[in-house]
Every structure is written in C-alpha cells, then in structure tokens.
C-alpha cells in the first residue's frame, strides 16, 4: 500500500503504520482493530493510534508513563467561597455544581479554569477561582487541543461560515475526515 492512496484503506494487519497515520479513524474503530491484533486497547485515541502503528511496523511501543497525583482531599458537601482548594482538586461535579450556582448555566470548565485548578497550591479559595473565571472571560478564545480534532474543525468552519447549519457542518466534517491528512485543507 502506498502513501499516495486517495481512498481510506481498510484496517488490516497488512496496513503500514505510516498509512494508518495518514487517515482519520474513530476511536471505536481503532479499539476494535487493536482487539483483533491482540494489543492493548486502553489510553487516549492518540496513544492507541501510535501503539497500533508501532505494531503494524514491527516496532516496540514504549507506553507513556502517567504521573498520578498523590491522593488528596477533595472538596465535598456544601461549598462556600472561602473554602481552600486542596492541591490536586479535580474539576468534579461538586465543584461544577458550586460554579453553576454562582455563574449560571453558561459555566464550563474551560482551559483557563482547568489550568487554575491544576496550578493550585492549597492557598487559593473558591472565591479566587471565581475571580479567575471573571478575569479570563475576555481572553481570546484558544483553539481546542489537537486531540479534539472535530472541535477544532467546527470552530474553524463556523468562523468561515457564520450562518452555516449543523447539517452543513457535519457534511463538511465527513468530507474533511475522509481525506488523508496530507491532502486536507482547513475548514
């Protein structure tokens, strides 16, 4: 199989790793393929893709190490603004609920808020987190991380087609993802 193919190949054990990497695959497709190959199916879509590509090329795949934070106390119960945020606090449903009470249904744990919680050192309060929310609302919207390829595509597509419908977006997405990576344009 050559890398100049303009049609998405089937997932078979004969597929070369570089050709696998040229195409968009759903995680469920990759998971099923990994099962048929008898290799691990866990991890992110990116890790799974790299693991399969290494297997197809006969290379050893070195699993990434995941640093697990030390167990910590998590906020629970009735929260108040003066509560200290413990180191390692997750963006949990309890914390989300408190923010929804304070800010209303538009609240989301966006990149800025996830970053705030990731950087807490045990001296910040929920009121500090609320202040951070307000301070970061006027920041320019950042492009979603690479693993959120559909979100990145949709954001870009809507900038170019502000009056476009969801159906038009989905049709454009299908056309985009059916192209090999090296032949794709942006939305």
Protein backbone atom coordinates (compact mmCIF):
# COMPACT_ATOMS: atom_id res chain seq x y z
CA UNK A 1 0.00 0.00 0.00
CA UNK A 2 1.40 3.39 -0.93
CA UNK A 3 1.04 6.72 0.83
CA UNK A 4 -0.38 8.26 -2.33
CA UNK A 5 -3.68 6.41 -1.98
CA UNK A 6 -6.60 8.81 -2.07
CA UNK A 7 -9.05 6.32 -0.63
CA UNK A 8 -9.12 5.33 3.01
CA UNK A 9 -7.78 1.79 3.34
CA UNK A 10 -9.36 -0.93 5.44
CA UNK A 11 -7.85 -1.65 8.84
CA UNK A 12 -5.93 -4.86 8.23
CA UNK A 13 -2.71 -6.27 9.71
CA UNK A 14 -1.02 -5.60 6.33
CA UNK A 15 -1.60 -1.83 6.60
CA UNK A 16 1.71 0.02 7.08
CA UNK A 17 1.92 2.29 10.12
CA UNK A 18 2.54 5.48 8.10
CA UNK A 19 -0.61 4.79 6.05
CA UNK A 20 -2.63 4.30 9.24
CA UNK A 21 -1.38 7.69 10.44
CA UNK A 22 -2.50 9.43 7.22
CA UNK A 23 -6.18 8.89 7.91
CA UNK A 24 -8.82 9.89 10.42
CA UNK A 25 -10.13 6.97 12.47
CA UNK A 26 -12.79 6.87 15.13
CA UNK A 27 -11.53 5.64 18.47
CA UNK A 28 -14.04 2.77 18.36
CA UNK A 29 -12.56 1.65 15.01
CA UNK A 30 -9.06 1.74 16.48
CA UNK A 31 -10.15 -0.08 19.64
CA UNK A 32 -11.77 -2.88 17.63
CA UNK A 33 -8.72 -3.14 15.37
CA UNK A 34 -6.39 -3.30 18.39
CA UNK A 35 -8.51 -6.15 19.76
CA UNK A 36 -8.17 -8.08 16.51
CA UNK A 37 -4.40 -7.52 16.65
CA UNK A 38 -4.33 -8.69 20.27
CA UNK A 39 -2.80 -5.48 21.64
CA UNK A 40 -3.87 -3.11 24.43
CA UNK A 41 -6.95 -1.03 23.75
CA UNK A 42 -6.60 1.46 26.60
CA UNK A 43 -5.47 5.06 26.61
CA UNK A 44 -6.25 8.10 24.52
CA UNK A 45 -7.00 7.89 20.84
CA UNK A 46 -3.56 9.35 20.08
CA UNK A 47 -1.76 6.74 22.20
CA UNK A 48 -3.87 3.94 20.74
CA UNK A 49 -3.07 5.10 17.20
CA UNK A 50 0.67 5.23 17.94
CA UNK A 51 0.53 1.79 19.59
CA UNK A 52 -1.20 0.27 16.53
CA UNK A 53 1.21 2.00 14.10
CA UNK A 54 4.19 0.59 16.02
CA UNK A 55 2.67 -2.89 15.96
CA UNK A 56 2.00 -2.68 12.20
CA UNK A 57 5.61 -1.61 11.60
CA UNK A 58 7.02 -4.31 13.89
CA UNK A 59 8.37 -1.72 16.32
CA UNK A 60 8.24 -1.90 20.09
CA UNK A 61 5.90 0.73 21.51
CA UNK A 62 7.02 2.32 24.74
CA UNK A 63 3.96 3.11 26.80
CA UNK A 64 4.00 6.66 28.17
CA UNK A 65 4.25 6.95 31.92
CA UNK A 66 1.38 8.70 33.59
CA UNK A 67 2.25 10.67 36.68
CA UNK A 68 -0.57 10.12 39.10
CA UNK A 69 -1.01 12.82 41.70
CA UNK A 70 -0.79 11.77 45.30
CA UNK A 71 -4.19 11.12 46.82
CA UNK A 72 -5.60 14.35 48.15
CA UNK A 73 -8.63 15.58 49.94
CA UNK A 74 -11.33 16.69 47.55
CA UNK A 75 -13.92 19.35 48.18
CA UNK A 76 -17.31 17.90 49.05
CA UNK A 77 -20.57 18.80 50.72
CA UNK A 78 -21.83 22.36 50.77
CA UNK A 79 -19.17 24.62 49.29
CA UNK A 80 -18.54 28.27 50.09
CA UNK A 81 -16.29 30.89 48.53
CA UNK A 82 -13.92 30.98 51.50
CA UNK A 83 -13.09 27.25 51.26
CA UNK A 84 -9.47 26.49 50.41
CA UNK A 85 -8.92 24.47 47.25
CA UNK A 86 -6.77 21.45 48.12
CA UNK A 87 -3.77 20.56 45.98
CA UNK A 88 -4.91 18.07 43.34
CA UNK A 89 -8.55 19.17 43.43
CA UNK A 90 -10.36 17.73 40.44
CA UNK A 91 -12.85 19.66 38.37
CA UNK A 92 -15.53 17.50 39.95
CA UNK A 93 -19.30 17.57 39.72
CA UNK A 94 -19.43 19.01 43.25
CA UNK A 95 -17.21 21.94 42.23
CA UNK A 96 -19.06 22.30 38.92
CA UNK A 97 -22.34 22.49 40.86
CA UNK A 98 -20.99 25.33 43.02
CA UNK A 99 -19.88 27.28 39.94
CA UNK A 100 -23.26 26.72 38.29
CA UNK A 101 -24.92 28.18 41.39
CA UNK A 102 -22.60 31.21 41.25
CA UNK A 103 -22.48 31.80 37.50
CA UNK A 104 -25.47 30.11 35.96
CA UNK A 105 -25.78 27.50 33.21
CA UNK A 106 -23.15 29.06 30.93
CA UNK A 107 -20.35 27.88 33.25
CA UNK A 108 -17.88 25.37 31.75
CA UNK A 109 -14.54 24.09 32.96
CA UNK A 110 -12.68 25.61 30.03
CA UNK A 111 -8.92 25.56 29.54
CA UNK A 112 -8.38 28.60 31.76
CA UNK A 113 -10.33 27.11 34.66
CA UNK A 114 -8.82 23.63 34.33
CA UNK A 115 -5.41 25.32 34.36
CA UNK A 116 -6.28 27.26 37.50
CA UNK A 117 -7.22 24.07 39.34
CA UNK A 118 -4.14 22.26 38.04
CA UNK A 119 -1.90 25.04 39.44
CA UNK A 120 -3.50 25.38 42.87
CA UNK A 121 -1.04 25.04 45.72
CA UNK A 122 -3.52 24.82 48.59
CA UNK A 123 -3.62 28.56 49.30
CA UNK A 124 -6.36 29.53 46.82
CA UNK A 125 -10.03 29.69 47.71
CA UNK A 126 -13.13 29.07 45.63
CA UNK A 127 -13.59 32.86 45.64
CA UNK A 128 -10.14 33.12 44.00
CA UNK A 129 -11.30 30.63 41.40
CA UNK A 130 -14.41 32.71 40.79
CA UNK A 131 -12.25 35.83 40.38
CA UNK A 132 -10.11 33.88 37.90
CA UNK A 133 -13.24 32.96 35.94
CA UNK A 134 -14.24 36.61 35.60
CA UNK A 135 -10.68 37.69 34.76
CA UNK A 136 -10.38 35.16 31.94
CA UNK A 137 -13.73 35.75 30.22
CA UNK A 138 -12.36 38.39 27.89
CA UNK A 139 -9.39 36.30 26.83
CA UNK A 140 -9.27 35.42 23.16
CA UNK A 141 -10.76 32.01 22.58
CA UNK A 142 -8.00 29.48 22.08
CA UNK A 143 -8.08 26.68 19.57
CA UNK A 144 -9.01 23.33 21.12
CA UNK A 145 -6.15 20.90 21.77
CA UNK A 146 -5.08 18.56 18.97
CA UNK A 147 -6.96 15.57 20.36
CA UNK A 148 -10.23 17.46 19.83
CA UNK A 149 -9.96 17.42 16.05
CA UNK A 150 -13.69 17.72 15.42
CA UNK A 151 -13.96 20.70 17.80
CA UNK A 152 -11.01 22.39 16.07
CA UNK A 153 -12.61 21.79 12.68
CA UNK A 154 -16.04 23.04 13.82
CA UNK A 155 -14.60 26.21 15.36
CA UNK A 156 -12.68 26.98 12.17
CA UNK A 157 -15.65 26.09 9.93
CA UNK A 158 -18.05 28.37 11.81
CA UNK A 159 -15.58 31.26 11.50
CA UNK A 160 -15.70 30.81 7.73
CA UNK A 161 -19.46 30.02 7.61
CA UNK A 162 -21.06 32.03 10.44
CA UNK A 163 -24.58 31.34 9.14
CA UNK A 164 -23.93 27.71 8.30
CA UNK A 165 -26.23 24.99 9.61
CA UNK A 166 -25.25 21.99 11.70
CA UNK A 167 -26.09 19.73 8.75
CA UNK A 168 -23.69 21.69 6.54
CA UNK A 169 -21.01 21.47 9.22
CA UNK A 170 -21.43 17.70 9.54
CA UNK A 171 -21.29 17.23 5.76
CA UNK A 172 -18.10 19.32 5.62
CA UNK A 173 -16.64 17.33 8.54
CA UNK A 174 -17.34 14.00 6.81
CA UNK A 175 -15.67 15.23 3.64
CA UNK A 176 -12.70 16.56 5.62
CA UNK A 177 -12.10 13.45 7.70
CA UNK A 178 -12.36 11.19 4.64
CA UNK A 179 -9.31 12.90 3.16
CA UNK A 180 -5.81 11.69 4.00
CA UNK A 181 -4.09 14.06 6.43
CA UNK A 182 -1.56 15.19 3.83
CA UNK A 183 -4.37 16.23 1.42
CA UNK A 184 -6.58 18.15 3.85
CA UNK A 185 -7.18 21.86 3.86
CA UNK A 186 -8.74 23.62 6.79
CA UNK A 187 -12.48 24.08 7.19
